[in-house]
Each structure stands twice: as C-alpha cells, then as structure tokens.
Amino acid sequence: MSIFDKNCWLNFVIGLTGFYFVYSIMQVVIKRFGAQVVVTASGVNLSGGYLWLVSFGVALILSLVLLILFCKPRVPFFVFLGVLIAGILGLYHPLYVTVVNLDKNVRKDGLVALYDLLPHLVVFVGALIALYVAWLSNRMAGGSGSGTAE
C-alpha cells in the first residue's frame, strides 16, 4: 500500500477521531457522575486521579471496534499513529504538567515521582495495543498477514 492510499488515511482518521471523541465524551461523563459510574459498572474503587484511565480504556476499545468493522484491510502503522496522536491530544494537559514539573517532583519525592509518568506510558502502550490488534485482525481475516490484496 502506498502512503496516499485512501484506506491508509481512513485508518488514521477513524483511529484519531474515534478515539478522541469517545475519550472526550467519557471524560464528560466521568466528570459529571464521578466515581459512581466506575464503581457501579465494575465494582472497582479508583481514586479520582485515575478515572481518566477508565475513559482511555473505553475509548481504545471502541475505536478499535470501529476500525475492525469499517476498515478492511487495516493498516497497522496508521492505526498506531492515529491512536497515539489522539491519546496525546486527549491527555495533553496531564502530559504537559508532568513534563514541566518532573524535575521539581523528582527532587522532592525521589523515584516515587516517576509514577507521574503513568499517562505517558498508558498512551504509548495503548497505541502499541492498537497496532497489534490491527495486525492480528488482518492475520485472522486474510491469512496472508500483510493486509494487501495481491
């Protein structure tokens, strides 16, 4: 596939907009109803600082379902890139604040401050999961593994 193939860009746009819009809607729901939604749905009691993780998981799952349903064959790199950029845009404020305050926090708290880098790790791991799911869904659907028609 060439970079100008419309399927590549469709994978990118669905990954980017699908993830970002679902994440934004989930953030509004979580801010409105708070921990009640999470505790009622899963029985897990998360502190308020980690409720974004629930939004991230839901957005990743729904955007991957959209990609699997509407894009055939999937282009794993563009899926990875779309989810990575959407994750960075969705979590821009925590990512920025962590990087700006990292030196001050490490001096004050030591290695415990590295837990503040969790949003960075979650965004990157989520994009890698999207890459793997797109690749795996191509393997399971086509058998050739490359996702290109010969």
C-alpha atoms as a PDB file:
ATOM      1  CA  MET A   1       0.000   0.000   0.000  1.00  0.00           C
ATOM      2  CA  SER A   2       1.208   3.446  -0.761  1.00  0.00           C
ATOM      3  CA  ILE A   3       1.033   6.299   1.698  1.00  0.00           C
ATOM      4  CA  PHE A   4      -1.560   8.044  -0.476  1.00  0.00           C
ATOM      5  CA  ASP A   5      -3.965   5.093  -0.472  1.00  0.00           C
ATOM      6  CA  LYS A   6      -7.318   6.236   0.879  1.00  0.00           C
ATOM      7  CA  ASN A   7      -7.570   3.163   3.130  1.00  0.00           C
ATOM      8  CA  CYS A   8      -4.413   4.296   4.965  1.00  0.00           C
ATOM      9  CA  TRP A   9      -5.932   7.674   5.656  1.00  0.00           C
ATOM     10  CA  LEU A  10      -9.277   6.152   6.606  1.00  0.00           C
ATOM     11  CA  ASN A  11      -7.487   4.039   9.219  1.00  0.00           C
ATOM     12  CA  PHE A  12      -5.730   7.141  10.516  1.00  0.00           C
ATOM     13  CA  VAL A  13      -8.858   9.318  10.627  1.00  0.00           C
ATOM     14  CA  ILE A  14     -11.037   6.681  12.297  1.00  0.00           C
ATOM     15  CA  GLY A  15      -8.287   5.929  14.816  1.00  0.00           C
ATOM     16  CA  LEU A  16      -7.762   9.622  15.554  1.00  0.00           C
ATOM     17  CA  THR A  17     -11.328  10.914  15.636  1.00  0.00           C
ATOM     18  CA  GLY A  18     -12.899   7.753  17.021  1.00  0.00           C
ATOM     19  CA  PHE A  19     -10.525   7.616  19.952  1.00  0.00           C
ATOM     20  CA  TYR A  20     -10.547  11.352  20.646  1.00  0.00           C
ATOM     21  CA  PHE A  21     -14.341  11.778  20.557  1.00  0.00           C
ATOM     22  CA  VAL A  22     -15.057   8.717  22.690  1.00  0.00           C
ATOM     23  CA  TYR A  23     -12.365   9.779  25.161  1.00  0.00           C
ATOM     24  CA  SER A  24     -13.800  13.313  25.342  1.00  0.00           C
ATOM     25  CA  ILE A  25     -17.351  12.043  25.872  1.00  0.00           C
ATOM     26  CA  MET A  26     -16.178   9.624  28.559  1.00  0.00           C
ATOM     27  CA  GLN A  27     -14.317  12.429  30.334  1.00  0.00           C
ATOM     28  CA  VAL A  28     -17.519  14.488  30.418  1.00  0.00           C
ATOM     29  CA  VAL A  29     -19.468  11.519  31.807  1.00  0.00           C
ATOM     30  CA  ILE A  30     -16.777  10.784  34.399  1.00  0.00           C
ATOM     31  CA  LYS A  31     -16.583  14.440  35.498  1.00  0.00           C
ATOM     32  CA  ARG A  32     -20.367  14.667  35.702  1.00  0.00           C
ATOM     33  CA  PHE A  33     -21.026  11.456  37.603  1.00  0.00           C
ATOM     34  CA  GLY A  34     -17.551  10.811  39.005  1.00  0.00           C
ATOM     35  CA  ALA A  35     -16.650   7.580  40.658  1.00  0.00           C
ATOM     36  CA  GLN A  36     -20.281   6.408  40.797  1.00  0.00           C
ATOM     37  CA  VAL A  37     -20.103   5.252  37.177  1.00  0.00           C
ATOM     38  CA  VAL A  38     -16.912   3.269  37.669  1.00  0.00           C
ATOM     39  CA  VAL A  39     -17.889   1.676  40.977  1.00  0.00           C
ATOM     40  CA  THR A  40     -21.352   0.723  39.731  1.00  0.00           C
ATOM     41  CA  ALA A  41     -20.114  -0.719  36.437  1.00  0.00           C
ATOM     42  CA  SER A  42     -17.054  -2.629  37.593  1.00  0.00           C
ATOM     43  CA  GLY A  43     -17.041  -2.719  41.376  1.00  0.00           C
ATOM     44  CA  VAL A  44     -13.516  -1.256  41.406  1.00  0.00           C
ATOM     45  CA  ASN A  45     -12.869   1.727  43.646  1.00  0.00           C
ATOM     46  CA  LEU A  46     -10.397   4.044  41.874  1.00  0.00           C
ATOM     47  CA  SER A  47      -9.183   7.305  43.276  1.00  0.00           C
ATOM     48  CA  GLY A  48     -10.301  10.411  41.419  1.00  0.00           C
ATOM     49  CA  GLY A  49      -6.863  10.904  39.905  1.00  0.00           C
ATOM     50  CA  TYR A  50      -7.052   7.700  37.888  1.00  0.00           C
ATOM     51  CA  LEU A  51     -10.549   7.940  36.454  1.00  0.00           C
ATOM     52  CA  TRP A  52      -9.010   9.057  33.149  1.00  0.00           C
ATOM     53  CA  LEU A  53      -7.703   5.507  32.818  1.00  0.00           C
ATOM     54  CA  VAL A  54     -11.262   4.180  32.523  1.00  0.00           C
ATOM     55  CA  SER A  55     -12.005   6.746  29.797  1.00  0.00           C
ATOM     56  CA  PHE A  56      -8.818   5.771  27.993  1.00  0.00           C
ATOM     57  CA  GLY A  57      -9.687   2.069  28.070  1.00  0.00           C
ATOM     58  CA  VAL A  58     -13.230   2.582  26.814  1.00  0.00           C
ATOM     59  CA  ALA A  59     -12.045   4.904  24.036  1.00  0.00           C
ATOM     60  CA  LEU A  60      -9.361   2.443  22.937  1.00  0.00           C
ATOM     61  CA  ILE A  61     -11.769  -0.480  22.812  1.00  0.00           C
ATOM     62  CA  LEU A  62     -14.494   1.404  20.933  1.00  0.00           C
ATOM     63  CA  SER A  63     -12.086   2.936  18.407  1.00  0.00           C
ATOM     64  CA  LEU A  64     -10.586  -0.486  17.687  1.00  0.00           C
ATOM     65  CA  VAL A  65     -14.064  -1.965  17.211  1.00  0.00           C
ATOM     66  CA  LEU A  66     -14.846   0.837  14.729  1.00  0.00           C
ATOM     67  CA  LEU A  67     -11.615   0.153  12.859  1.00  0.00           C
ATOM     68  CA  ILE A  68     -12.228  -3.567  12.683  1.00  0.00           C
ATOM     69  CA  LEU A  69     -15.779  -3.057  11.423  1.00  0.00           C
ATOM     70  CA  PHE A  70     -15.181  -0.334   8.838  1.00  0.00           C
ATOM     71  CA  CYS A  71     -11.605  -0.745   7.551  1.00  0.00           C
ATOM     72  CA  LYS A  72     -10.628  -3.766   5.543  1.00  0.00           C
ATOM     73  CA  PRO A  73      -7.723  -4.349   5.291  1.00  0.00           C
ATOM     74  CA  ARG A  74      -6.385  -2.420   8.261  1.00  0.00           C
ATOM     75  CA  VAL A  75      -3.068  -0.597   8.078  1.00  0.00           C
ATOM     76  CA  PRO A  76      -1.439  -1.158  11.487  1.00  0.00           C
ATOM     77  CA  PHE A  77       1.008   1.756  11.299  1.00  0.00           C
ATOM     78  CA  PHE A  78      -1.702   4.315  10.553  1.00  0.00           C
ATOM     79  CA  VAL A  79      -3.894   2.859  13.308  1.00  0.00           C
ATOM     80  CA  PHE A  80      -0.931   3.184  15.693  1.00  0.00           C
ATOM     81  CA  LEU A  81      -0.272   6.748  14.587  1.00  0.00           C
ATOM     82  CA  GLY A  82      -3.944   7.783  14.865  1.00  0.00           C
ATOM     83  CA  VAL A  83      -4.366   6.362  18.379  1.00  0.00           C
ATOM     84  CA  LEU A  84      -1.021   7.797  19.501  1.00  0.00           C
ATOM     85  CA  ILE A  85      -1.854  11.314  18.320  1.00  0.00           C
ATOM     86  CA  ALA A  86      -5.403  11.118  19.712  1.00  0.00           C
ATOM     87  CA  GLY A  87      -4.049   9.903  23.052  1.00  0.00           C
ATOM     88  CA  ILE A  88      -1.595  12.795  23.157  1.00  0.00           C
ATOM     89  CA  LEU A  89      -4.342  15.275  22.304  1.00  0.00           C
ATOM     90  CA  GLY A  90      -6.769  13.792  24.807  1.00  0.00           C
ATOM     91  CA  LEU A  91      -4.243  13.681  27.633  1.00  0.00           C
ATOM     92  CA  TYR A  92      -2.396  16.845  26.656  1.00  0.00           C
ATOM     93  CA  HIS A  93      -2.807  18.622  29.991  1.00  0.00           C
ATOM     94  CA  PRO A  94      -1.580  15.759  32.243  1.00  0.00           C
ATOM     95  CA  LEU A  95       1.278  15.006  29.872  1.00  0.00           C
ATOM     96  CA  TYR A  96       2.382  18.634  29.746  1.00  0.00           C
ATOM     97  CA  VAL A  97       2.083  19.228  33.503  1.00  0.00           C
ATOM     98  CA  THR A  98       4.052  16.056  34.245  1.00  0.00           C
ATOM     99  CA  VAL A  99       6.925  17.024  31.984  1.00  0.00           C
ATOM    100  CA  VAL A 100       7.055  20.606  33.268  1.00  0.00           C
ATOM    101  CA  ASN A 101       7.016  19.574  36.944  1.00  0.00           C
ATOM    102  CA  LEU A 102       9.084  16.396  36.683  1.00  0.00           C
ATOM    103  CA  ASP A 103      12.368  17.921  37.845  1.00  0.00           C
ATOM    104  CA  LYS A 104      10.729  19.587  40.849  1.00  0.00           C
ATOM    105  CA  ASN A 105       8.789  16.428  41.756  1.00  0.00           C
ATOM    106  CA  VAL A 106      11.805  14.124  41.440  1.00  0.00           C
ATOM    107  CA  ARG A 107      13.843  16.395  43.717  1.00  0.00           C
ATOM    108  CA  LYS A 108      11.030  16.470  46.265  1.00  0.00           C
ATOM    109  CA  ASP A 109       9.702  12.886  46.095  1.00  0.00           C
ATOM    110  CA  GLY A 110      12.555  10.930  44.520  1.00  0.00           C
ATOM    111  CA  LEU A 111      11.729   7.919  42.383  1.00  0.00           C
ATOM    112  CA  VAL A 112       8.119   7.924  43.625  1.00  0.00           C
ATOM    113  CA  ALA A 113       7.588  10.889  41.297  1.00  0.00           C
ATOM    114  CA  LEU A 114       8.132   8.592  38.318  1.00  0.00           C
ATOM    115  CA  TYR A 115       4.586   7.311  38.904  1.00  0.00           C
ATOM    116  CA  ASP A 116       3.553  10.666  37.450  1.00  0.00           C
ATOM    117  CA  LEU A 117       4.794   9.360  34.105  1.00  0.00           C
ATOM    118  CA  LEU A 118       1.947   6.817  34.014  1.00  0.00           C
ATOM    119  CA  PRO A 119      -0.087   8.828  31.444  1.00  0.00           C
ATOM    120  CA  HIS A 120       2.898   8.781  29.075  1.00  0.00           C
ATOM    121  CA  LEU A 121       3.235   5.038  29.429  1.00  0.00           C
ATOM    122  CA  VAL A 122      -0.506   4.441  29.026  1.00  0.00           C
ATOM    123  CA  VAL A 123      -0.662   6.478  25.797  1.00  0.00           C
ATOM    124  CA  PHE A 124       2.270   4.614  24.273  1.00  0.00           C
ATOM    125  CA  VAL A 125       1.078   1.163  25.380  1.00  0.00           C
ATOM    126  CA  GLY A 126      -2.440   1.924  24.116  1.00  0.00           C
ATOM    127  CA  ALA A 127      -1.026   2.816  20.700  1.00  0.00           C
ATOM    128  CA  LEU A 128       1.027  -0.389  20.682  1.00  0.00           C
ATOM    129  CA  ILE A 129      -2.087  -2.407  21.563  1.00  0.00           C
ATOM    130  CA  ALA A 130      -3.904  -0.755  18.645  1.00  0.00           C
ATOM    131  CA  LEU A 131      -1.003  -1.654  16.339  1.00  0.00           C
ATOM    132  CA  TYR A 132      -1.069  -5.271  17.468  1.00  0.00           C
ATOM    133  CA  VAL A 133      -4.867  -5.605  17.237  1.00  0.00           C
ATOM    134  CA  ALA A 134      -4.881  -4.164  13.701  1.00  0.00           C
ATOM    135  CA  TRP A 135      -2.102  -6.519  12.653  1.00  0.00           C
ATOM    136  CA  LEU A 136      -3.753  -9.509  14.322  1.00  0.00           C
ATOM    137  CA  SER A 137      -7.160  -8.755  12.789  1.00  0.00           C
ATOM    138  CA  ASN A 138      -5.533  -8.652   9.341  1.00  0.00           C
ATOM    139  CA  ARG A 139      -3.890 -12.023  10.003  1.00  0.00           C
ATOM    140  CA  MET A 140      -7.125 -13.578  11.141  1.00  0.00           C
ATOM    141  CA  ALA A 141      -9.205 -12.139   8.304  1.00  0.00           C
ATOM    142  CA  GLY A 142      -6.933 -12.657   5.335  1.00  0.00           C
ATOM    143  CA  GLY A 143      -4.424 -15.320   6.158  1.00  0.00           C
ATOM    144  CA  SER A 144      -1.667 -13.534   4.236  1.00  0.00           C
ATOM    145  CA  GLY A 145      -0.796 -11.251   7.150  1.00  0.00           C
ATOM    146  CA  SER A 146       0.285  -8.294   5.073  1.00  0.00           C
ATOM    147  CA  GLY A 147      -3.170  -6.816   4.600  1.00  0.00           C
ATOM    148  CA  THR A 148      -2.614  -6.151   0.893  1.00  0.00           C
ATOM    149  CA  ALA A 149      -4.542  -7.702  -1.940  1.00  0.00           C
ATOM    150  CA  GLU A 150      -2.410  -9.480  -4.483  1.00  0.00           C
END
